[in-house]
Every structure is written in C-alpha cells, then in structure tokens.
Amino acid sequence: MKPLWYFLHLNSSSDADVKALLGCVALEIIQIVEKVEDDGLSLPLPTGLESLIAKLMMEIEESEITDKDLKGDLKSAVGRWGPKNAQEKFKNLLAKYELVECNLNGTPAKRVKCIWEMRNRFAHEGEFADPKWIDDVKRKREVQMHIAARIIPALVMEYLNRKFGLMQFDRAQRNSGIIKEYIYKGSHEGLAIDGV
C-alpha cells in the first residue's frame, strides 16, 4: 500500500520520501529482471515440511511479539529450512555484480543484511531498518540515511550501468567502489559511516 499512499500524497510528500521509495521498489524489480537464482545448494523438502514451515511463519506473524526486527529474524530462521529467502538472493545479486565475495561474513555481512532490510522495511512499511550492530543512536541514524540516500540509489545505478554497458567508464567504476567501500569498510570516500 505504501507506493499507492505516496502516489496519492505526492503534493504533500517530500522528494526524499518518494525517491527512497522508488529506489527500494526498483531494487526489488532488478532482482526479478536479473533472474537472480538460489546458489543451487538447497534440496527438495521432505513431504509435509513446506506446510509446517508455512504454519510456523504464520504463527510468528500472528504472535504477540511486537519487535518487528525480532519477528523478521524468527521468520527468516524458519524460512532457511525451505528455499533460499529473498535476502540470500539479494546477496547473490551483489556477488553476481562482483560487489561482494560469496563467503561474506562478519560486519560486512551485517551491512548487506541491513541494506536488504532497509529496502524491505521502507518499501513495505515506510520505516527505516535498525542497524543492530551499532549501539550509538546518532550513528544508527547516519547509517540509515547513508543506506537509504546513497547505497540503494548506487545499487540501482549499478544495474543501469551494467545494463547499458557503461562499466568501462570512471563514473561507473566509482559507483561500484562506493558500494564496496561501505560494505567492507563502513565508510564513504574514507569518512567513517558506522564507526565499526
């Protein structure tokens, strides 16, 4: 409903709200267009397990848990028994673009997870995701703004640069570098963003 809400309120919404939403929706569409697949390691589930997973996901969704991040983590954990989830497909897209290594772990993996959660949370709920690995409230806000205003648009631009064969140009290479620098170092052109 958020895209419809923003469309109906274009006159009273800031450009930043609309741009952030469009970037988040575009990122989801890119994965579909790019046909990002699972890594091929998931095996078919035993009979009956898929319906059990669906029931568990519904139980979590309808539970009394109010913390949206915790609820999302629980559903993600349950979902790992089935086909690869959307977050893993997002990581596979980044690996396909050679922005991350396939065996990404530690804080860089947390940053990738937060980028995906930011896209997901903003597109579906109109809220910023919480970078859980950061304790300082001011830093959290800086990371949220950096991901929403710089990293997500850079990922959309990465797709366009590749789609139109522009990767040989310096500007396209710089765009890729901005994404990798944040994921691996938590900084932007040498300036610390998340302080980790």
C-alpha atoms as a PDB file:
ATOM      1  CA  MET A   1       0.000   0.000   0.000  1.00  0.00           C
ATOM      2  CA  LYS A   2       2.936   2.391   0.519  1.00  0.00           C
ATOM      3  CA  PRO A   3       3.542   3.076  -3.199  1.00  0.00           C
ATOM      4  CA  LEU A   4      -0.157   3.890  -3.587  1.00  0.00           C
ATOM      5  CA  TRP A   5      -0.080   6.064  -0.463  1.00  0.00           C
ATOM      6  CA  TYR A   6       2.907   8.048  -1.775  1.00  0.00           C
ATOM      7  CA  PHE A   7       1.269   8.428  -5.182  1.00  0.00           C
ATOM      8  CA  LEU A   8      -1.904   9.817  -3.616  1.00  0.00           C
ATOM      9  CA  HIS A   9       0.123  12.165  -1.383  1.00  0.00           C
ATOM     10  CA  LEU A  10       2.719  13.357  -3.897  1.00  0.00           C
ATOM     11  CA  ASN A  11       1.880  17.009  -3.268  1.00  0.00           C
ATOM     12  CA  SER A  12       2.491  16.709   0.472  1.00  0.00           C
ATOM     13  CA  SER A  13       5.373  14.190   0.451  1.00  0.00           C
ATOM     14  CA  SER A  14       8.996  15.287   0.301  1.00  0.00           C
ATOM     15  CA  ASP A  15      11.075  14.402  -2.739  1.00  0.00           C
ATOM     16  CA  ALA A  16      13.298  12.371  -0.412  1.00  0.00           C
ATOM     17  CA  ASP A  17      10.391  10.118   0.627  1.00  0.00           C
ATOM     18  CA  VAL A  18       9.401   9.462  -2.979  1.00  0.00           C
ATOM     19  CA  LYS A  19      12.990   8.919  -4.174  1.00  0.00           C
ATOM     20  CA  ALA A  20      13.713   6.487  -1.332  1.00  0.00           C
ATOM     21  CA  LEU A  21      10.579   4.511  -2.097  1.00  0.00           C
ATOM     22  CA  LEU A  22      11.286   4.408  -5.832  1.00  0.00           C
ATOM     23  CA  GLY A  23      14.838   3.212  -5.199  1.00  0.00           C
ATOM     24  CA  CYS A  24      13.615   0.461  -2.877  1.00  0.00           C
ATOM     25  CA  VAL A  25      10.978  -0.734  -5.330  1.00  0.00           C
ATOM     26  CA  ALA A  26      13.453  -0.553  -8.229  1.00  0.00           C
ATOM     27  CA  LEU A  27      15.903  -2.733  -6.304  1.00  0.00           C
ATOM     28  CA  GLU A  28      13.248  -5.416  -5.904  1.00  0.00           C
ATOM     29  CA  ILE A  29      12.374  -5.261  -9.601  1.00  0.00           C
ATOM     30  CA  ILE A  30      16.066  -5.524 -10.567  1.00  0.00           C
ATOM     31  CA  GLN A  31      16.319  -8.892  -8.833  1.00  0.00           C
ATOM     32  CA  ILE A  32      13.380 -10.167 -10.859  1.00  0.00           C
ATOM     33  CA  VAL A  33      14.746  -8.774 -14.131  1.00  0.00           C
ATOM     34  CA  GLU A  34      18.209 -10.176 -13.418  1.00  0.00           C
ATOM     35  CA  LYS A  35      16.688 -13.567 -12.584  1.00  0.00           C
ATOM     36  CA  VAL A  36      18.889 -13.931  -9.523  1.00  0.00           C
ATOM     37  CA  GLU A  37      18.642 -17.569  -8.553  1.00  0.00           C
ATOM     38  CA  ASP A  38      19.480 -19.534  -5.447  1.00  0.00           C
ATOM     39  CA  ASP A  39      23.018 -20.839  -5.261  1.00  0.00           C
ATOM     40  CA  GLY A  40      21.694 -24.278  -6.183  1.00  0.00           C
ATOM     41  CA  LEU A  41      22.513 -25.885  -2.842  1.00  0.00           C
ATOM     42  CA  SER A  42      19.003 -26.168  -1.452  1.00  0.00           C
ATOM     43  CA  LEU A  43      17.483 -29.648  -1.638  1.00  0.00           C
ATOM     44  CA  PRO A  44      13.797 -30.515  -2.045  1.00  0.00           C
ATOM     45  CA  LEU A  45      11.978 -30.571   1.289  1.00  0.00           C
ATOM     46  CA  PRO A  46      10.532 -33.788   2.712  1.00  0.00           C
ATOM     47  CA  THR A  47       6.784 -34.193   2.197  1.00  0.00           C
ATOM     48  CA  GLY A  48       4.740 -32.107   4.627  1.00  0.00           C
ATOM     49  CA  LEU A  49       7.589 -29.863   5.726  1.00  0.00           C
ATOM     50  CA  GLU A  50       6.584 -26.976   3.449  1.00  0.00           C
ATOM     51  CA  SER A  51       3.128 -26.754   5.043  1.00  0.00           C
ATOM     52  CA  LEU A  52       4.714 -26.918   8.518  1.00  0.00           C
ATOM     53  CA  ILE A  53       7.059 -24.054   7.612  1.00  0.00           C
ATOM     54  CA  ALA A  54       4.107 -22.012   6.348  1.00  0.00           C
ATOM     55  CA  LYS A  55       2.246 -22.638   9.635  1.00  0.00           C
ATOM     56  CA  LEU A  56       5.271 -21.629  11.706  1.00  0.00           C
ATOM     57  CA  MET A  57       5.681 -18.431   9.686  1.00  0.00           C
ATOM     58  CA  MET A  58       2.001 -17.614  10.261  1.00  0.00           C
ATOM     59  CA  GLU A  59       2.354 -18.339  13.992  1.00  0.00           C
ATOM     60  CA  ILE A  60       5.284 -15.946  14.209  1.00  0.00           C
ATOM     61  CA  GLU A  61       3.444 -13.260  12.222  1.00  0.00           C
ATOM     62  CA  GLU A  62       0.334 -13.508  14.406  1.00  0.00           C
ATOM     63  CA  SER A  63       2.259 -13.856  17.687  1.00  0.00           C
ATOM     64  CA  GLU A  64       2.353 -11.238  20.423  1.00  0.00           C
ATOM     65  CA  ILE A  65       5.926 -10.297  19.520  1.00  0.00           C
ATOM     66  CA  THR A  66       5.984  -6.547  18.965  1.00  0.00           C
ATOM     67  CA  ASP A  67       9.623  -6.158  17.945  1.00  0.00           C
ATOM     68  CA  LYS A  68       9.463  -6.202  14.122  1.00  0.00           C
ATOM     69  CA  ASP A  69      13.169  -6.978  13.768  1.00  0.00           C
ATOM     70  CA  LEU A  70      12.917  -9.989  16.078  1.00  0.00           C
ATOM     71  CA  LYS A  71       9.810 -11.185  14.279  1.00  0.00           C
ATOM     72  CA  GLY A  72      11.614 -10.847  10.937  1.00  0.00           C
ATOM     73  CA  ASP A  73      14.658 -12.708  12.240  1.00  0.00           C
ATOM     74  CA  LEU A  74      12.488 -15.564  13.505  1.00  0.00           C
ATOM     75  CA  LYS A  75      10.656 -15.871  10.189  1.00  0.00           C
ATOM     76  CA  SER A  76      13.969 -15.746   8.353  1.00  0.00           C
ATOM     77  CA  ALA A  77      15.358 -18.523  10.558  1.00  0.00           C
ATOM     78  CA  VAL A  78      12.308 -20.716   9.924  1.00  0.00           C
ATOM     79  CA  GLY A  79      12.451 -19.914   6.212  1.00  0.00           C
ATOM     80  CA  ARG A  80      16.016 -21.212   5.952  1.00  0.00           C
ATOM     81  CA  TRP A  81      14.607 -24.739   6.026  1.00  0.00           C
ATOM     82  CA  GLY A  82      12.906 -24.120   2.727  1.00  0.00           C
ATOM     83  CA  PRO A  83      14.033 -22.460  -0.496  1.00  0.00           C
ATOM     84  CA  LYS A  84      16.558 -19.630  -0.282  1.00  0.00           C
ATOM     85  CA  ASN A  85      14.978 -16.439   1.019  1.00  0.00           C
ATOM     86  CA  ALA A  86      14.920 -13.061  -0.692  1.00  0.00           C
ATOM     87  CA  GLN A  87      17.763 -11.751   1.431  1.00  0.00           C
ATOM     88  CA  GLU A  88      20.075 -14.513   0.209  1.00  0.00           C
ATOM     89  CA  LYS A  89      19.038 -13.793  -3.382  1.00  0.00           C
ATOM     90  CA  PHE A  90      19.975 -10.152  -2.769  1.00  0.00           C
ATOM     91  CA  LYS A  91      23.442 -11.237  -1.588  1.00  0.00           C
ATOM     92  CA  ASN A  92      23.693 -13.415  -4.710  1.00  0.00           C
ATOM     93  CA  LEU A  93      22.884 -10.354  -6.853  1.00  0.00           C
ATOM     94  CA  LEU A  94      25.729  -8.448  -5.185  1.00  0.00           C
ATOM     95  CA  ALA A  95      28.041 -11.430  -5.771  1.00  0.00           C
ATOM     96  CA  LYS A  96      26.948 -11.624  -9.420  1.00  0.00           C
ATOM     97  CA  TYR A  97      27.909  -7.953  -9.776  1.00  0.00           C
ATOM     98  CA  GLU A  98      31.243  -8.736  -8.033  1.00  0.00           C
ATOM     99  CA  LEU A  99      30.448  -6.261  -5.262  1.00  0.00           C
ATOM    100  CA  VAL A 100      30.856  -8.895  -2.521  1.00  0.00           C
ATOM    101  CA  GLU A 101      32.530 -12.255  -2.098  1.00  0.00           C
ATOM    102  CA  CYS A 102      30.220 -15.279  -1.941  1.00  0.00           C
ATOM    103  CA  ASN A 103      31.558 -16.227   1.500  1.00  0.00           C
ATOM    104  CA  LEU A 104      30.827 -12.795   3.024  1.00  0.00           C
ATOM    105  CA  ASN A 105      30.661 -12.833   6.834  1.00  0.00           C
ATOM    106  CA  GLY A 106      31.153 -10.676   9.929  1.00  0.00           C
ATOM    107  CA  THR A 107      30.281  -6.970   9.865  1.00  0.00           C
ATOM    108  CA  PRO A 108      30.263  -6.760   6.037  1.00  0.00           C
ATOM    109  CA  ALA A 109      27.533  -9.464   6.011  1.00  0.00           C
ATOM    110  CA  LYS A 110      25.600  -7.442   8.613  1.00  0.00           C
ATOM    111  CA  ARG A 111      25.823  -4.378   6.386  1.00  0.00           C
ATOM    112  CA  VAL A 112      24.457  -6.329   3.400  1.00  0.00           C
ATOM    113  CA  LYS A 113      21.640  -7.669   5.575  1.00  0.00           C
ATOM    114  CA  CYS A 114      20.833  -4.129   6.714  1.00  0.00           C
ATOM    115  CA  ILE A 115      20.744  -2.839   3.117  1.00  0.00           C
ATOM    116  CA  TRP A 116      18.231  -5.548   2.266  1.00  0.00           C
ATOM    117  CA  GLU A 117      16.196  -4.930   5.435  1.00  0.00           C
ATOM    118  CA  MET A 118      16.209  -1.184   4.699  1.00  0.00           C
ATOM    119  CA  ARG A 119      14.848  -1.838   1.215  1.00  0.00           C
ATOM    120  CA  ASN A 120      12.277  -4.257   2.546  1.00  0.00           C
ATOM    121  CA  ARG A 121      11.162  -2.218   5.553  1.00  0.00           C
ATOM    122  CA  PHE A 122      10.915   1.062   3.663  1.00  0.00           C
ATOM    123  CA  ALA A 123       9.101  -0.394   0.652  1.00  0.00           C
ATOM    124  CA  HIS A 124       6.566  -2.328   2.713  1.00  0.00           C
ATOM    125  CA  GLU A 125       6.202  -0.330   5.927  1.00  0.00           C
ATOM    126  CA  GLY A 126       7.615   3.134   5.226  1.00  0.00           C
ATOM    127  CA  GLU A 127      10.148   2.778   8.070  1.00  0.00           C
ATOM    128  CA  PHE A 128      13.924   2.561   8.297  1.00  0.00           C
ATOM    129  CA  ALA A 129      15.504  -0.720   9.372  1.00  0.00           C
ATOM    130  CA  ASP A 130      17.632  -0.779  12.515  1.00  0.00           C
ATOM    131  CA  PRO A 131      21.386  -1.420  12.068  1.00  0.00           C
ATOM    132  CA  LYS A 132      21.605  -3.712  15.093  1.00  0.00           C
ATOM    133  CA  TRP A 133      25.400  -3.982  15.210  1.00  0.00           C
ATOM    134  CA  ILE A 134      25.654  -0.262  16.136  1.00  0.00           C
ATOM    135  CA  ASP A 135      24.916   0.930  19.668  1.00  0.00           C
ATOM    136  CA  ASP A 136      25.188   4.703  19.260  1.00  0.00           C
ATOM    137  CA  VAL A 137      21.814   6.235  18.332  1.00  0.00           C
ATOM    138  CA  LYS A 138      23.353   9.056  16.279  1.00  0.00           C
ATOM    139  CA  ARG A 139      25.495   6.594  14.323  1.00  0.00           C
ATOM    140  CA  LYS A 140      22.447   4.373  13.691  1.00  0.00           C
ATOM    141  CA  ARG A 141      20.654   7.345  12.130  1.00  0.00           C
ATOM    142  CA  GLU A 142      23.677   8.190   9.960  1.00  0.00           C
ATOM    143  CA  VAL A 143      23.852   4.608   8.706  1.00  0.00           C
ATOM    144  CA  GLN A 144      20.114   4.581   7.966  1.00  0.00           C
ATOM    145  CA  MET A 145      20.372   7.807   5.976  1.00  0.00           C
ATOM    146  CA  HIS A 146      23.505   6.647   4.130  1.00  0.00           C
ATOM    147  CA  ILE A 147      21.936   3.357   3.071  1.00  0.00           C
ATOM    148  CA  ALA A 148      18.636   4.961   2.036  1.00  0.00           C
ATOM    149  CA  ALA A 149      20.095   8.022   0.302  1.00  0.00           C
ATOM    150  CA  ARG A 150      23.385   6.713  -1.101  1.00  0.00           C
ATOM    151  CA  ILE A 151      23.737   2.928  -1.188  1.00  0.00           C
ATOM    152  CA  ILE A 152      20.296   1.929  -2.514  1.00  0.00           C
ATOM    153  CA  PRO A 153      20.430   4.523  -5.340  1.00  0.00           C
ATOM    154  CA  ALA A 154      24.015   3.370  -6.093  1.00  0.00           C
ATOM    155  CA  LEU A 155      22.768  -0.222  -6.432  1.00  0.00           C
ATOM    156  CA  VAL A 156      20.064   0.892  -8.879  1.00  0.00           C
ATOM    157  CA  MET A 157      22.718   2.826 -10.816  1.00  0.00           C
ATOM    158  CA  GLU A 158      24.957  -0.264 -10.781  1.00  0.00           C
ATOM    159  CA  TYR A 159      22.221  -2.201 -12.579  1.00  0.00           C
ATOM    160  CA  LEU A 160      21.730   0.573 -15.150  1.00  0.00           C
ATOM    161  CA  ASN A 161      25.468   0.915 -15.783  1.00  0.00           C
ATOM    162  CA  ARG A 162      25.692  -2.822 -16.417  1.00  0.00           C
ATOM    163  CA  LYS A 163      22.502  -2.944 -18.473  1.00  0.00           C
ATOM    164  CA  PHE A 164      23.715  -0.238 -20.830  1.00  0.00           C
ATOM    165  CA  GLY A 165      27.348  -1.406 -20.988  1.00  0.00           C
ATOM    166  CA  LEU A 166      28.845   1.592 -19.200  1.00  0.00           C
ATOM    167  CA  MET A 167      31.095  -0.250 -16.745  1.00  0.00           C
ATOM    168  CA  GLN A 168      34.290   0.822 -18.537  1.00  0.00           C
ATOM    169  CA  PHE A 169      33.750   4.464 -17.553  1.00  0.00           C
ATOM    170  CA  ASP A 170      35.287   6.007 -14.445  1.00  0.00           C
ATOM    171  CA  ARG A 171      31.930   7.159 -13.058  1.00  0.00           C
ATOM    172  CA  ALA A 172      30.521   3.623 -13.178  1.00  0.00           C
ATOM    173  CA  GLN A 173      33.669   2.243 -11.517  1.00  0.00           C
ATOM    174  CA  ARG A 174      33.424   4.925  -8.819  1.00  0.00           C
ATOM    175  CA  ASN A 175      29.794   3.947  -8.177  1.00  0.00           C
ATOM    176  CA  SER A 176      30.818   0.305  -7.686  1.00  0.00           C
ATOM    177  CA  GLY A 177      33.620   1.434  -5.392  1.00  0.00           C
ATOM    178  CA  ILE A 178      31.215   3.398  -3.182  1.00  0.00           C
ATOM    179  CA  ILE A 179      29.093   0.284  -2.643  1.00  0.00           C
ATOM    180  CA  LYS A 180      32.078  -1.972  -1.907  1.00  0.00           C
ATOM    181  CA  GLU A 181      33.708   0.587   0.387  1.00  0.00           C
ATOM    182  CA  TYR A 182      30.623   0.837   2.553  1.00  0.00           C
ATOM    183  CA  ILE A 183      30.021  -2.926   2.692  1.00  0.00           C
ATOM    184  CA  TYR A 184      33.629  -3.823   3.510  1.00  0.00           C
ATOM    185  CA  LYS A 185      34.842  -0.762   5.445  1.00  0.00           C
ATOM    186  CA  GLY A 186      31.705   1.018   6.686  1.00  0.00           C
ATOM    187  CA  SER A 187      32.920   4.273   5.156  1.00  0.00           C
ATOM    188  CA  HIS A 188      32.220   6.648   2.264  1.00  0.00           C
ATOM    189  CA  GLU A 189      35.253   8.094   0.467  1.00  0.00           C
ATOM    190  CA  GLY A 190      37.319   7.474   3.590  1.00  0.00           C
ATOM    191  CA  LEU A 191      34.836   9.007   6.035  1.00  0.00           C
ATOM    192  CA  ALA A 192      33.564   6.524   8.663  1.00  0.00           C
ATOM    193  CA  ILE A 193      29.814   5.989   8.468  1.00  0.00           C
ATOM    194  CA  ASP A 194      29.058   3.292  11.033  1.00  0.00           C
ATOM    195  CA  GLY A 195      32.210   3.596  13.149  1.00  0.00           C
ATOM    196  CA  VAL A 196      32.883  -0.173  13.147  1.00  0.00           C
END
